[in-house]
C-alpha atoms as a PDB file:
ATOM      1  CA  MET A   1      -0.073   0.153   0.126  1.00  0.00           C
ATOM      2  CA  LEU A   2       1.569   3.490  -0.742  1.00  0.00           C
ATOM      3  CA  SER A   3       2.584   5.265   2.845  1.00  0.00           C
ATOM      4  CA  ARG A   4       3.118   8.721   0.867  1.00  0.00           C
ATOM      5  CA  LEU A   5       0.125  10.451   0.764  1.00  0.00           C
ATOM      6  CA  ALA A   6       0.621  13.388  -1.890  1.00  0.00           C
ATOM      7  CA  PRO A   7      -0.741  16.692   0.949  1.00  0.00           C
ATOM      8  CA  CYS A   8      -3.058  18.693  -0.747  1.00  0.00           C
ATOM      9  CA  CYS A   9      -1.980  22.466  -2.629  1.00  0.00           C
ATOM     10  CA  CYS A  10      -5.750  23.787  -1.961  1.00  0.00           C
ATOM     11  CA  SER A  11      -5.989  25.658   1.354  1.00  0.00           C
ATOM     12  CA  ASP A  12      -9.509  26.320   1.886  1.00  0.00           C
ATOM     13  CA  ALA A  13     -12.542  24.043   3.076  1.00  0.00           C
ATOM     14  CA  GLN A  14     -14.335  24.406  -0.300  1.00  0.00           C
ATOM     15  CA  ASP A  15     -10.863  23.300  -1.956  1.00  0.00           C
ATOM     16  CA  ARG A  16     -10.448  20.635  -0.374  1.00  0.00           C
ATOM     17  CA  ASN A  17     -14.302  18.926  -0.330  1.00  0.00           C
ATOM     18  CA  GLN A  18     -13.531  19.477  -4.536  1.00  0.00           C
ATOM     19  CA  LEU A  19     -10.279  17.537  -3.782  1.00  0.00           C
ATOM     20  CA  THR A  20     -11.869  14.762  -2.705  1.00  0.00           C
ATOM     21  CA  PHE A  21     -14.355  14.128  -4.756  1.00  0.00           C
ATOM     22  CA  ASN A  22     -17.100  14.803  -2.394  1.00  0.00           C
ATOM     23  CA  ASN A  23     -21.072  14.784  -4.690  1.00  0.00           C
ATOM     24  CA  ALA A  24     -18.766  15.047  -7.826  1.00  0.00           C
ATOM     25  CA  PRO A  25     -21.122  14.876 -10.723  1.00  0.00           C
ATOM     26  CA  THR A  26     -21.663  12.668 -13.945  1.00  0.00           C
ATOM     27  CA  THR A  27     -20.961  15.233 -16.248  1.00  0.00           C
ATOM     28  CA  ASP A  28     -18.252  17.386 -17.469  1.00  0.00           C
ATOM     29  CA  ASP A  29     -18.420  19.575 -14.301  1.00  0.00           C
ATOM     30  CA  SER A  30     -16.823  16.856 -11.972  1.00  0.00           C
ATOM     31  CA  GLY A  31     -14.916  18.192  -9.625  1.00  0.00           C
ATOM     32  CA  MET A  32     -11.131  18.776  -9.808  1.00  0.00           C
ATOM     33  CA  VAL A  33      -7.845  17.111  -8.288  1.00  0.00           C
ATOM     34  CA  CYS A  34      -5.040  19.135  -7.303  1.00  0.00           C
ATOM     35  CA  ILE A  35      -1.970  17.757  -7.723  1.00  0.00           C
ATOM     36  CA  SER A  36       0.750  18.880  -5.497  1.00  0.00           C
ATOM     37  CA  GLU A  37       4.704  18.435  -6.118  1.00  0.00           C
ATOM     38  CA  GLU A  38       5.336  15.455  -4.021  1.00  0.00           C
ATOM     39  CA  LEU A  39       2.284  13.725  -6.487  1.00  0.00           C
ATOM     40  CA  ALA A  40       3.660  14.940  -9.515  1.00  0.00           C
ATOM     41  CA  GLY A  41       7.246  13.508  -8.758  1.00  0.00           C
ATOM     42  CA  THR A  42       5.726   9.808  -8.076  1.00  0.00           C
ATOM     43  CA  ARG A  43       5.416   7.306 -10.658  1.00  0.00           C
ATOM     44  CA  PRO A  44       2.322   5.160 -11.134  1.00  0.00           C
ATOM     45  CA  TYR A  45       1.912   1.824  -9.854  1.00  0.00           C
ATOM     46  CA  GLN A  46       4.400  -0.785 -10.239  1.00  0.00           C
ATOM     47  CA  ALA A  47       4.217  -4.494  -8.767  1.00  0.00           C
ATOM     48  CA  SER A  48       7.199  -6.450  -7.029  1.00  0.00           C
ATOM     49  CA  PRO A  49       7.322 -10.404  -6.509  1.00  0.00           C
ATOM     50  CA  PRO A  50       4.470 -12.210  -5.995  1.00  0.00           C
ATOM     51  CA  GLY A  51       4.076 -12.680  -1.612  1.00  0.00           C
ATOM     52  CA  GLU A  52       1.260 -12.489   0.077  1.00  0.00           C
ATOM     53  CA  GLU A  53      -1.948 -14.571   0.076  1.00  0.00           C
ATOM     54  CA  LEU A  54      -5.283 -13.297  -1.588  1.00  0.00           C
ATOM     55  CA  ALA A  55      -8.531 -15.010  -2.853  1.00  0.00           C
ATOM     56  CA  ARG A  56     -10.063 -14.349  -6.309  1.00  0.00           C
ATOM     57  CA  SER A  57     -12.310 -11.334  -6.171  1.00  0.00           C
ATOM     58  CA  ARG A  58     -15.999 -12.721  -6.958  1.00  0.00           C
ATOM     59  CA  PRO A  59     -19.339 -11.577  -5.241  1.00  0.00           C
ATOM     60  CA  TYR A  60     -20.196 -12.681  -1.871  1.00  0.00           C
ATOM     61  CA  GLN A  61     -17.662 -15.160  -1.818  1.00  0.00           C
ATOM     62  CA  ALA A  62     -13.403 -15.936  -1.925  1.00  0.00           C
ATOM     63  CA  SER A  63     -12.134 -18.816  -3.821  1.00  0.00           C
ATOM     64  CA  PRO A  64      -8.962 -20.635  -2.897  1.00  0.00           C
ATOM     65  CA  PRO A  65      -6.035 -18.267  -2.274  1.00  0.00           C
ATOM     66  CA  ALA A  66      -3.186 -17.554  -4.765  1.00  0.00           C
ATOM     67  CA  ALA A  67       0.158 -15.545  -4.504  1.00  0.00           C
ATOM     68  CA  VAL A  68       0.292 -11.915  -5.021  1.00  0.00           C
ATOM     69  CA  SER A  69       2.063  -8.992  -3.246  1.00  0.00           C
ATOM     70  CA  ARG A  70       0.961  -5.558  -1.953  1.00  0.00           C
ATOM     71  CA  LEU A  71       1.494  -2.438  -3.525  1.00  0.00           C
ATOM     72  CA  ARG A  72       5.389  -0.935  -3.267  1.00  0.00           C
ATOM     73  CA  SER A  73       5.780   2.517  -1.960  1.00  0.00           C
ATOM     74  CA  PRO A  74       7.653   4.795  -5.275  1.00  0.00           C
ATOM     75  CA  HIS A  75      11.392   4.726  -4.740  1.00  0.00           C
ATOM     76  CA  PRO A  76      12.432   8.084  -3.197  1.00  0.00           C
ATOM     77  CA  THR A  77      16.188   7.556  -4.939  1.00  0.00           C
ATOM     78  CA  GLU A  78      15.242   7.252  -8.503  1.00  0.00           C
ATOM     79  CA  GLU A  79      12.495   8.884  -9.411  1.00  0.00           C
ATOM     80  CA  GLY A  80      11.846  11.674  -6.459  1.00  0.00           C
ATOM     81  CA  SER A  81      15.124  13.151  -7.101  1.00  0.00           C
ATOM     82  CA  SER A  82      14.594  12.900 -10.844  1.00  0.00           C
ATOM     83  CA  PHE A  83      11.758  15.218  -9.914  1.00  0.00           C
ATOM     84  CA  ARG A  84      13.173  17.305  -7.487  1.00  0.00           C
ATOM     85  CA  SER A  85      16.139  17.965 -10.514  1.00  0.00           C
ATOM     86  CA  LEU A  86      13.838  19.588 -12.792  1.00  0.00           C
ATOM     87  CA  THR A  87      13.522  23.354 -13.024  1.00  0.00           C
ATOM     88  CA  GLU A  88      10.508  25.236 -11.876  1.00  0.00           C
ATOM     89  CA  GLU A  89       8.869  25.587 -14.647  1.00  0.00           C
ATOM     90  CA  GLU A  90       9.330  21.706 -15.372  1.00  0.00           C
ATOM     91  CA  LYS A  91       7.489  20.842 -12.168  1.00  0.00           C
ATOM     92  CA  THR A  92       4.816  23.116 -13.126  1.00  0.00           C
ATOM     93  CA  ALA A  93       4.305  21.588 -16.518  1.00  0.00           C
ATOM     94  CA  GLU A  94       4.020  18.020 -14.497  1.00  0.00           C
ATOM     95  CA  LYS A  95       1.920  19.069 -12.183  1.00  0.00           C
ATOM     96  CA  ASP A  96      -0.289  20.453 -14.890  1.00  0.00           C
ATOM     97  CA  ARG A  97      -0.044  17.789 -17.086  1.00  0.00           C
ATOM     98  CA  LEU A  98      -0.791  15.138 -14.523  1.00  0.00           C
ATOM     99  CA  GLN A  99      -3.757  17.410 -13.152  1.00  0.00           C
ATOM    100  CA  ILE A 100      -5.334  17.308 -17.039  1.00  0.00           C
ATOM    101  CA  LEU A 101      -4.944  13.903 -17.471  1.00  0.00           C
ATOM    102  CA  VAL A 102      -6.183  12.782 -13.777  1.00  0.00           C
ATOM    103  CA  ASN A 103      -9.472  14.986 -14.319  1.00  0.00           C
ATOM    104  CA  SER A 104     -10.276  14.152 -18.085  1.00  0.00           C
ATOM    105  CA  PHE A 105     -10.163  10.315 -16.643  1.00  0.00           C
ATOM    106  CA  ALA A 106     -12.487  11.250 -13.675  1.00  0.00           C
ATOM    107  CA  LYS A 107     -15.320  12.398 -16.235  1.00  0.00           C
ATOM    108  CA  ARG A 108     -14.959   9.709 -18.158  1.00  0.00           C
ATOM    109  CA  ALA A 109     -14.827   6.950 -15.411  1.00  0.00           C
ATOM    110  CA  VAL A 110     -17.558   8.727 -13.634  1.00  0.00           C
ATOM    111  CA  ARG A 111     -19.689   8.006 -17.144  1.00  0.00           C
ATOM    112  CA  GLY A 112     -18.560   4.605 -18.028  1.00  0.00           C
ATOM    113  CA  CYS A 113     -15.402   3.267 -20.090  1.00  0.00           C
ATOM    114  CA  PRO A 114     -15.146   0.240 -22.075  1.00  0.00           C
ATOM    115  CA  CYS A 115     -13.607  -2.907 -21.011  1.00  0.00           C
ATOM    116  CA  LEU A 116     -13.394  -6.668 -20.873  1.00  0.00           C
ATOM    117  CA  TYR A 117     -13.895  -8.387 -17.610  1.00  0.00           C
ATOM    118  CA  VAL A 118     -11.583 -11.679 -17.539  1.00  0.00           C
ATOM    119  CA  ARG A 119     -13.406 -14.478 -15.396  1.00  0.00           C
ATOM    120  CA  GLU A 120     -10.853 -16.541 -13.468  1.00  0.00           C
ATOM    121  CA  GLY A 121     -11.466 -20.241 -13.625  1.00  0.00           C
ATOM    122  CA  THR A 122     -12.808 -20.160 -17.404  1.00  0.00           C
ATOM    123  CA  GLY A 123     -11.039 -17.436 -19.061  1.00  0.00           C
ATOM    124  CA  GLU A 124     -14.137 -16.088 -20.179  1.00  0.00           C
ATOM    125  CA  ARG A 125     -14.122 -12.574 -21.345  1.00  0.00           C
ATOM    126  CA  LEU A 126     -17.268 -10.390 -20.718  1.00  0.00           C
ATOM    127  CA  SER A 127     -18.137  -7.944 -22.284  1.00  0.00           C
ATOM    128  CA  THR A 128     -18.247  -5.001 -19.348  1.00  0.00           C
ATOM    129  CA  TYR A 129     -17.715  -1.408 -18.192  1.00  0.00           C
ATOM    130  CA  TYR A 130     -15.791  -0.291 -15.534  1.00  0.00           C
ATOM    131  CA  ARG A 131     -17.250   3.514 -13.872  1.00  0.00           C
ATOM    132  CA  ILE A 132     -16.130   5.192 -10.556  1.00  0.00           C
ATOM    133  CA  ASP A 133     -18.947   6.284  -8.532  1.00  0.00           C
ATOM    134  CA  LYS A 134     -20.730  10.070  -7.762  1.00  0.00           C
ATOM    135  CA  SER A 135     -18.447  10.059  -4.744  1.00  0.00           C
ATOM    136  CA  LEU A 136     -15.368   8.173  -6.837  1.00  0.00           C
ATOM    137  CA  GLY A 137     -15.011   6.321  -4.136  1.00  0.00           C
ATOM    138  CA  HIS A 138     -15.413   3.026  -5.566  1.00  0.00           C
ATOM    139  CA  LEU A 139     -14.258   1.383  -8.769  1.00  0.00           C
ATOM    140  CA  LEU A 140     -17.354  -0.970 -10.051  1.00  0.00           C
ATOM    141  CA  VAL A 141     -17.181  -3.418 -13.343  1.00  0.00           C
ATOM    142  CA  LEU A 142     -20.780  -3.934 -15.098  1.00  0.00           C
ATOM    143  CA  SER A 143     -22.203  -5.642 -17.510  1.00  0.00           C
ATOM    144  CA  THR A 144     -22.795  -4.181 -20.946  1.00  0.00           C
ATOM    145  CA  LYS A 145     -26.054  -6.403 -21.227  1.00  0.00           C
ATOM    146  CA  ASP A 146     -27.456  -5.950 -17.767  1.00  0.00           C
ATOM    147  CA  ARG A 147     -26.491  -2.504 -15.875  1.00  0.00           C
ATOM    148  CA  ARG A 148     -27.941  -3.819 -12.859  1.00  0.00           C
ATOM    149  CA  LEU A 149     -25.619  -6.874 -13.002  1.00  0.00           C
ATOM    150  CA  GLN A 150     -22.424  -5.762 -11.430  1.00  0.00           C
ATOM    151  CA  GLU A 151     -19.322  -8.065 -11.465  1.00  0.00           C
ATOM    152  CA  VAL A 152     -16.734  -6.509  -9.146  1.00  0.00           C
ATOM    153  CA  SER A 153     -16.954  -3.408  -6.344  1.00  0.00           C
ATOM    154  CA  CYS A 154     -14.112  -2.454  -4.957  1.00  0.00           C
ATOM    155  CA  PRO A 155     -13.095   0.284  -2.861  1.00  0.00           C
ATOM    156  CA  ILE A 156     -10.606   2.366  -4.206  1.00  0.00           C
ATOM    157  CA  ALA A 157      -8.932   3.522  -0.789  1.00  0.00           C
ATOM    158  CA  ALA A 158      -8.611  -0.206  -0.740  1.00  0.00           C
ATOM    159  CA  ILE A 159      -6.225  -0.585  -3.588  1.00  0.00           C
ATOM    160  CA  GLN A 160      -3.483  -2.435  -2.824  1.00  0.00           C
ATOM    161  CA  ASP A 161      -1.670  -3.167  -6.235  1.00  0.00           C
ATOM    162  CA  ILE A 162      -2.699  -3.092  -9.650  1.00  0.00           C
ATOM    163  CA  TYR A 163      -0.485  -5.368 -12.260  1.00  0.00           C
ATOM    164  CA  SER A 164      -0.311  -4.894 -15.801  1.00  0.00           C
ATOM    165  CA  PHE A 165       1.204  -7.671 -17.913  1.00  0.00           C
ATOM    166  CA  ILE A 166       3.226  -5.445 -20.027  1.00  0.00           C
ATOM    167  CA  GLU A 167       5.370  -4.198 -17.116  1.00  0.00           C
ATOM    168  CA  ASP A 168       5.173  -7.412 -14.935  1.00  0.00           C
ATOM    169  CA  GLY A 169       5.076 -10.386 -16.854  1.00  0.00           C
ATOM    170  CA  GLU A 170       3.225 -13.748 -17.051  1.00  0.00           C
ATOM    171  CA  ALA A 171       3.709 -14.450 -13.554  1.00  0.00           C
ATOM    172  CA  CYS A 172       2.053 -12.152 -11.572  1.00  0.00           C
ATOM    173  CA  PHE A 173      -0.819 -13.625 -13.349  1.00  0.00           C
ATOM    174  CA  PRO A 174      -3.625 -16.266 -13.355  1.00  0.00           C
ATOM    175  CA  PRO A 175      -2.440 -19.153 -15.439  1.00  0.00           C
ATOM    176  CA  GLU A 176      -6.242 -19.386 -16.320  1.00  0.00           C
ATOM    177  CA  VAL A 177      -6.323 -15.820 -17.609  1.00  0.00           C
ATOM    178  CA  ILE A 178      -3.374 -16.051 -19.534  1.00  0.00           C
ATOM    179  CA  LYS A 179      -3.461 -19.201 -21.438  1.00  0.00           C
ATOM    180  CA  HIS A 180      -7.001 -18.192 -23.258  1.00  0.00           C
ATOM    181  CA  LEU A 181      -5.511 -14.287 -24.422  1.00  0.00           C
ATOM    182  CA  THR A 182      -3.657 -13.643 -27.736  1.00  0.00           C
ATOM    183  CA  PRO A 183      -0.330 -11.942 -27.519  1.00  0.00           C
ATOM    184  CA  GLU A 184      -2.217  -8.537 -28.351  1.00  0.00           C
ATOM    185  CA  GLN A 185      -4.609  -9.293 -25.550  1.00  0.00           C
ATOM    186  CA  LYS A 186      -2.318  -9.445 -23.165  1.00  0.00           C
ATOM    187  CA  GLU A 187      -0.847  -6.142 -24.006  1.00  0.00           C
ATOM    188  CA  MET A 188      -4.050  -4.930 -22.435  1.00  0.00           C
ATOM    189  CA  LEU A 189      -4.291  -6.963 -19.500  1.00  0.00           C
ATOM    190  CA  LEU A 190      -4.543  -5.304 -15.768  1.00  0.00           C
ATOM    191  CA  MET A 191      -5.199  -6.975 -12.968  1.00  0.00           C
ATOM    192  CA  VAL A 192      -6.473  -4.877  -9.595  1.00  0.00           C
ATOM    193  CA  VAL A 193      -5.896  -6.517  -6.331  1.00  0.00           C
ATOM    194  CA  TYR A 194      -7.831  -4.640  -3.518  1.00  0.00           C
ATOM    195  CA  ARG A 195      -8.205  -5.444   0.438  1.00  0.00           C
ATOM    196  CA  SER A 196     -12.063  -6.528   2.510  1.00  0.00           C
ATOM    197  CA  GLY A 197     -11.568  -6.929   5.957  1.00  0.00           C
ATOM    198  CA  ALA A 198      -8.431  -9.095   6.447  1.00  0.00           C
ATOM    199  CA  ARG A 199      -8.697 -10.555   3.031  1.00  0.00           C
ATOM    200  CA  LEU A 200      -7.117  -9.528  -0.256  1.00  0.00           C
ATOM    201  CA  PHE A 201      -9.073  -9.802  -3.694  1.00  0.00           C
ATOM    202  CA  ARG A 202      -8.168  -9.776  -7.242  1.00  0.00           C
ATOM    203  CA  PHE A 203     -10.068  -9.017 -10.605  1.00  0.00           C
ATOM    204  CA  CYS A 204      -8.642  -9.547 -14.434  1.00  0.00           C
ATOM    205  CA  LEU A 205      -9.602  -6.625 -16.965  1.00  0.00           C
ATOM    206  CA  LEU A 206      -8.465  -5.798 -20.715  1.00  0.00           C
ATOM    207  CA  GLU A 207      -8.469  -2.111 -21.023  1.00  0.00           C
ATOM    208  CA  MET A 208      -9.013  -0.990 -25.235  1.00  0.00           C
ATOM    209  CA  SER A 209      -5.939   0.182 -26.053  1.00  0.00           C
ATOM    210  CA  MET A 210      -2.517   0.850 -24.839  1.00  0.00           C
ATOM    211  CA  GLU A 211      -3.023   4.341 -24.049  1.00  0.00           C
ATOM    212  CA  THR A 212      -6.111   3.685 -22.107  1.00  0.00           C
ATOM    213  CA  ARG A 213      -4.110   0.685 -20.317  1.00  0.00           C
ATOM    214  CA  ASP A 214      -1.568   3.572 -18.992  1.00  0.00           C
ATOM    215  CA  VAL A 215      -3.969   6.604 -18.483  1.00  0.00           C
ATOM    216  CA  PHE A 216      -5.755   3.574 -16.143  1.00  0.00           C
ATOM    217  CA  LEU A 217      -2.477   2.860 -14.268  1.00  0.00           C
ATOM    218  CA  GLU A 218      -0.902   6.671 -13.539  1.00  0.00           C
ATOM    219  CA  CYS A 219      -4.686   7.919 -12.741  1.00  0.00           C
ATOM    220  CA  LEU A 220      -6.391   5.017 -10.346  1.00  0.00           C
ATOM    221  CA  ARG A 221      -2.326   5.600  -8.294  1.00  0.00           C
ATOM    222  CA  VAL A 222      -3.333   9.540  -7.909  1.00  0.00           C
ATOM    223  CA  LEU A 223      -7.262   8.692  -7.232  1.00  0.00           C
ATOM    224  CA  CYS A 224      -6.240   5.913  -4.567  1.00  0.00           C
ATOM    225  CA  ILE A 225      -3.679   8.171  -2.540  1.00  0.00           C
ATOM    226  CA  TYR A 226      -6.794  10.967  -2.279  1.00  0.00           C
ATOM    227  CA  ALA A 227      -8.973   8.038  -1.525  1.00  0.00           C
ATOM    228  CA  GLN A 228      -6.406   7.115   1.180  1.00  0.00           C
ATOM    229  CA  SER A 229      -6.074  10.708   2.597  1.00  0.00           C
ATOM    230  CA  ALA A 230      -9.738  11.017   3.358  1.00  0.00           C
ATOM    231  CA  PRO A 231     -10.294  11.908   7.356  1.00  0.00           C
ATOM    232  CA  ASN A 232     -13.019   8.656   7.408  1.00  0.00           C
ATOM    233  CA  TRP A 233     -10.414   6.133   6.019  1.00  0.00           C
ATOM    234  CA  ALA A 234      -8.451   4.179   8.340  1.00  0.00           C
ATOM    235  CA  THR A 235      -5.958   1.917   7.567  1.00  0.00           C
END
């Protein structure tokens, strides 16, 4: 789990509420994210070698455990020092870039983004979309055929790690998921690991493109950090 929670660069109460996405609407007028210098210098999620037990993510039940790791903190000697070495102009440009990216993603995700949900055990790929609820507190995976059918409800603050096949390799993913995918599909594969009570759960998604895959990874990191920094969230 990320231990470094980015401080808010907004000062008054109204801006802070906007930052934590309270009552975010489902239109393009969604609350804005205020990106701090610390957060702008933090890289996206990166997975560690497998090591901790978790259960497969299925509604209301857990399957036999498998191995996966928790989220590593960024390496300050690498990205942190690189960011500090930038000029003030470059730092501002990076913060602006990240803020625009996250705000754009949040607006789309509140409305819903297409993806494929991969069921473990069978490797079945379902036409779904992921969305973030109005409070931006939960990541939901819903069926495109029946919007009442919810495959996953994941508290964003409870996310422990996000794996991508392209960065973390085949060993981090369930074999039954991998064996049913083409090489092109593997490049779009993501796995989200989150905690519920004392247990860890996971679910796998296929993004629609390499670009949307990378945006998902980077923006979920930011939303997770802010969700964990909310006053009512406890570790």
